[in-house]
């Protein structure tokens, strides 16, 4: 789910500077517990967006994919084959 308020500003790929992981807002796996995707637990001052707003843009900055977002993306893509 894209977030259009600051500091997200409608970007698809959102990084967490503390953990050096990035989330894909198109495939985020929201969790209310301590496990799972932590996109909603990133403090505003630790949010990182990327230019270009792409997966490769995040990787170029040394971030790795959130395993929960990645698993959901792979699951949805394989179901569509």
N, C-alpha and C. Protein backbone atom coordinates (compact mmCIF):
# COMPACT_ATOMS: atom_id res chain seq x y z
N UNK A 1 0.84 -1.16 0.00
CA UNK A 1 0.00 0.00 0.00
C UNK A 1 0.90 1.24 0.00
N UNK A 2 0.78 2.03 -1.01
CA UNK A 2 1.56 3.26 -1.06
C UNK A 2 1.09 4.24 0.00
N UNK A 3 2.03 4.93 0.58
CA UNK A 3 1.73 5.94 1.59
C UNK A 3 2.14 7.29 1.00
N UNK A 4 1.20 8.20 0.92
CA UNK A 4 1.48 9.47 0.24
C UNK A 4 1.87 10.59 1.19
N UNK A 5 1.97 10.30 2.47
CA UNK A 5 2.40 11.31 3.43
C UNK A 5 3.93 11.21 3.63
N UNK A 6 4.52 12.28 4.14
CA UNK A 6 5.95 12.28 4.42
C UNK A 6 6.23 11.31 5.57
N UNK A 7 7.31 10.63 5.55
CA UNK A 7 8.45 10.71 4.64
C UNK A 7 8.37 9.73 3.48
N UNK A 8 7.23 9.04 3.30
CA UNK A 8 7.10 8.03 2.26
C UNK A 8 6.86 8.64 0.87
N UNK A 9 6.07 9.68 0.82
CA UNK A 9 5.85 10.46 -0.40
C UNK A 9 5.49 9.64 -1.64
N UNK A 10 4.69 8.58 -1.44
CA UNK A 10 4.20 7.80 -2.57
C UNK A 10 5.21 6.88 -3.20
N UNK A 11 6.34 6.67 -2.56
CA UNK A 11 7.38 5.80 -3.12
C UNK A 11 7.00 4.34 -2.91
N UNK A 12 7.39 3.50 -3.85
CA UNK A 12 7.09 2.06 -3.75
C UNK A 12 8.09 1.34 -2.86
N UNK A 13 9.36 1.69 -2.96
CA UNK A 13 10.40 1.01 -2.21
C UNK A 13 10.84 1.88 -1.04
N UNK A 14 10.68 1.34 0.18
CA UNK A 14 10.95 2.07 1.41
C UNK A 14 12.02 1.33 2.20
N UNK A 15 13.10 2.03 2.52
CA UNK A 15 14.18 1.42 3.28
C UNK A 15 14.12 1.76 4.75
N UNK A 16 14.68 0.88 5.55
CA UNK A 16 14.85 1.08 6.99
C UNK A 16 16.36 1.22 7.23
N UNK A 17 16.80 2.44 7.51
CA UNK A 17 18.23 2.69 7.70
C UNK A 17 18.84 1.90 8.85
N UNK A 18 18.06 1.57 9.86
CA UNK A 18 18.60 0.83 11.01
C UNK A 18 18.94 -0.60 10.63
N UNK A 19 18.06 -1.24 9.86
CA UNK A 19 18.22 -2.66 9.53
C UNK A 19 18.80 -2.89 8.15
N UNK A 20 18.87 -1.84 7.35
CA UNK A 20 19.37 -1.91 5.96
C UNK A 20 18.56 -2.88 5.12
N UNK A 21 17.24 -2.90 5.36
CA UNK A 21 16.35 -3.69 4.51
C UNK A 21 15.37 -2.74 3.83
N UNK A 22 14.83 -3.16 2.70
CA UNK A 22 13.82 -2.34 2.03
C UNK A 22 12.55 -3.15 1.85
N UNK A 23 11.46 -2.43 1.82
CA UNK A 23 10.13 -3.01 1.67
C UNK A 23 9.56 -2.60 0.32
N UNK A 24 8.80 -3.50 -0.26
CA UNK A 24 8.12 -3.25 -1.53
C UNK A 24 6.65 -3.01 -1.20
N UNK A 25 6.22 -1.75 -1.28
CA UNK A 25 4.86 -1.39 -0.88
C UNK A 25 3.79 -2.06 -1.74
N UNK A 26 4.16 -2.54 -2.91
CA UNK A 26 3.19 -3.24 -3.76
C UNK A 26 2.93 -4.65 -3.25
N UNK A 27 3.86 -5.20 -2.46
CA UNK A 27 3.74 -6.57 -1.98
C UNK A 27 3.99 -6.68 -0.48
N UNK A 28 3.81 -5.61 0.25
CA UNK A 28 4.13 -5.66 1.68
C UNK A 28 3.27 -6.68 2.40
N UNK A 29 3.88 -7.31 3.37
CA UNK A 29 3.21 -8.34 4.16
C UNK A 29 3.00 -7.76 5.55
N UNK A 30 1.92 -7.06 5.75
CA UNK A 30 1.66 -6.38 7.00
C UNK A 30 1.40 -7.40 8.11
N UNK A 31 2.02 -7.16 9.25
CA UNK A 31 1.85 -8.03 10.41
C UNK A 31 1.62 -7.17 11.64
N UNK A 32 0.70 -7.59 12.48
CA UNK A 32 0.43 -6.84 13.70
C UNK A 32 1.33 -7.30 14.84
N UNK A 33 1.99 -8.43 14.68
CA UNK A 33 2.87 -8.96 15.73
C UNK A 33 4.31 -8.49 15.55
N UNK A 34 5.18 -8.94 16.45
CA UNK A 34 6.59 -8.52 16.36
C UNK A 34 7.32 -9.16 15.19
N UNK A 35 6.82 -10.29 14.69
CA UNK A 35 7.41 -10.92 13.52
C UNK A 35 6.70 -10.42 12.29
N UNK A 36 7.33 -10.58 11.16
CA UNK A 36 6.71 -10.16 9.91
C UNK A 36 7.26 -8.83 9.44
N UNK A 37 6.68 -8.36 8.39
CA UNK A 37 7.11 -7.11 7.76
C UNK A 37 7.00 -5.96 8.76
N UNK A 38 8.04 -5.17 8.85
CA UNK A 38 8.07 -4.09 9.83
C UNK A 38 7.94 -2.70 9.25
N UNK A 39 7.36 -2.57 8.09
CA UNK A 39 7.30 -1.26 7.44
C UNK A 39 6.58 -0.22 8.31
N UNK A 40 5.58 -0.66 9.04
CA UNK A 40 4.84 0.30 9.88
C UNK A 40 5.57 0.63 11.18
N UNK A 41 6.67 -0.05 11.44
CA UNK A 41 7.43 0.21 12.67
C UNK A 41 8.71 1.01 12.42
N UNK A 42 8.91 1.49 11.20
CA UNK A 42 10.10 2.29 10.90
C UNK A 42 9.87 3.72 11.40
N UNK A 43 10.73 4.21 12.29
CA UNK A 43 10.59 5.61 12.72
C UNK A 43 10.81 6.54 11.52
N UNK A 44 10.07 7.62 11.47
CA UNK A 44 10.16 8.54 10.33
C UNK A 44 11.59 8.95 10.02
N UNK A 45 12.39 9.16 11.05
CA UNK A 45 13.77 9.62 10.82
C UNK A 45 14.67 8.52 10.25
N UNK A 46 14.19 7.28 10.24
CA UNK A 46 14.98 6.16 9.70
C UNK A 46 14.47 5.69 8.34
N UNK A 47 13.43 6.33 7.81
CA UNK A 47 12.90 5.96 6.49
C UNK A 47 13.86 6.45 5.41
N UNK A 48 14.10 5.56 4.44
CA UNK A 48 14.95 5.90 3.31
C UNK A 48 14.17 5.60 2.04
N UNK A 49 14.12 6.57 1.12
CA UNK A 49 13.55 6.31 -0.20
C UNK A 49 14.70 6.32 -1.20
N UNK A 50 14.44 5.81 -2.38
CA UNK A 50 15.51 5.60 -3.36
C UNK A 50 15.18 6.28 -4.68
N UNK A 51 16.21 6.75 -5.33
CA UNK A 51 16.11 7.26 -6.70
C UNK A 51 17.12 6.49 -7.54
N UNK A 52 16.68 5.76 -8.50
CA UNK A 52 15.29 5.59 -8.92
C UNK A 52 14.52 4.74 -7.91
N UNK A 53 13.22 4.88 -7.91
CA UNK A 53 12.34 4.14 -7.01
C UNK A 53 12.13 2.73 -7.57
N UNK A 54 13.21 1.96 -7.52
CA UNK A 54 13.21 0.60 -8.06
C UNK A 54 13.91 -0.34 -7.07
N UNK A 55 13.71 -1.63 -7.27
CA UNK A 55 14.39 -2.62 -6.45
C UNK A 55 15.90 -2.50 -6.63
N UNK A 56 16.35 -2.34 -7.85
CA UNK A 56 17.79 -2.22 -8.09
C UNK A 56 18.34 -0.94 -7.47
N UNK A 57 17.53 0.13 -7.42
CA UNK A 57 17.96 1.36 -6.76
C UNK A 57 18.23 1.14 -5.28
N UNK A 58 17.39 0.35 -4.63
CA UNK A 58 17.59 0.03 -3.21
C UNK A 58 18.83 -0.84 -3.01
N UNK A 59 19.00 -1.81 -3.89
CA UNK A 59 20.15 -2.71 -3.78
C UNK A 59 21.46 -1.94 -4.00
N UNK A 60 21.45 -0.99 -4.91
CA UNK A 60 22.65 -0.18 -5.15
C UNK A 60 23.09 0.57 -3.90
N UNK A 61 22.14 0.91 -3.03
CA UNK A 61 22.46 1.61 -1.78
C UNK A 61 22.81 0.64 -0.66
N UNK A 62 22.90 -0.66 -0.97
CA UNK A 62 23.32 -1.64 0.03
C UNK A 62 22.21 -2.20 0.89
N UNK A 63 20.96 -2.05 0.46
CA UNK A 63 19.83 -2.58 1.21
C UNK A 63 19.46 -3.95 0.66
N UNK A 64 18.89 -4.80 1.50
CA UNK A 64 18.41 -6.11 1.07
C UNK A 64 16.89 -6.14 1.23
N UNK A 65 16.26 -7.01 0.46
CA UNK A 65 14.80 -7.10 0.42
C UNK A 65 14.25 -7.65 1.73
N UNK A 66 13.17 -7.07 2.22
CA UNK A 66 12.45 -7.62 3.37
C UNK A 66 12.01 -9.04 2.99
N UNK A 67 12.37 -10.03 3.79
CA UNK A 67 12.01 -11.41 3.41
C UNK A 67 10.51 -11.65 3.34
N UNK A 68 9.74 -10.91 4.12
CA UNK A 68 8.28 -11.09 4.12
C UNK A 68 7.65 -10.50 2.87
N UNK A 69 8.10 -9.31 2.47
CA UNK A 69 7.60 -8.71 1.22
C UNK A 69 8.01 -9.56 0.03
N UNK A 70 9.26 -10.06 0.05
CA UNK A 70 9.77 -10.87 -1.06
C UNK A 70 8.99 -12.17 -1.18
N UNK A 71 8.72 -12.81 -0.05
CA UNK A 71 7.96 -14.06 -0.08
C UNK A 71 6.56 -13.84 -0.63
N UNK A 72 5.92 -12.75 -0.23
CA UNK A 72 4.57 -12.45 -0.74
C UNK A 72 4.61 -12.17 -2.24
N UNK A 73 5.62 -11.43 -2.68
CA UNK A 73 5.76 -11.13 -4.11
C UNK A 73 5.92 -12.42 -4.92
N UNK A 74 6.80 -13.30 -4.45
CA UNK A 74 7.05 -14.54 -5.17
C UNK A 74 5.79 -15.43 -5.18
N UNK A 75 5.07 -15.44 -4.08
CA UNK A 75 3.86 -16.24 -3.97
C UNK A 75 2.80 -15.75 -4.96
N UNK A 76 2.61 -14.44 -5.03
CA UNK A 76 1.61 -13.88 -5.93
C UNK A 76 2.01 -14.08 -7.39
N UNK A 77 3.29 -13.89 -7.68
CA UNK A 77 3.74 -14.06 -9.07
C UNK A 77 3.64 -15.50 -9.52
N UNK A 78 3.95 -16.46 -8.65
CA UNK A 78 3.85 -17.86 -9.06
C UNK A 78 2.39 -18.29 -9.22
N UNK A 79 1.48 -17.69 -8.44
CA UNK A 79 0.06 -18.00 -8.58
C UNK A 79 -0.50 -17.48 -9.91
N UNK A 80 0.12 -16.45 -10.46
CA UNK A 80 -0.35 -15.85 -11.71
C UNK A 80 0.22 -16.54 -12.95
N UNK A 81 1.03 -17.54 -12.76
CA UNK A 81 1.63 -18.23 -13.92
C UNK A 81 0.73 -19.30 -14.46
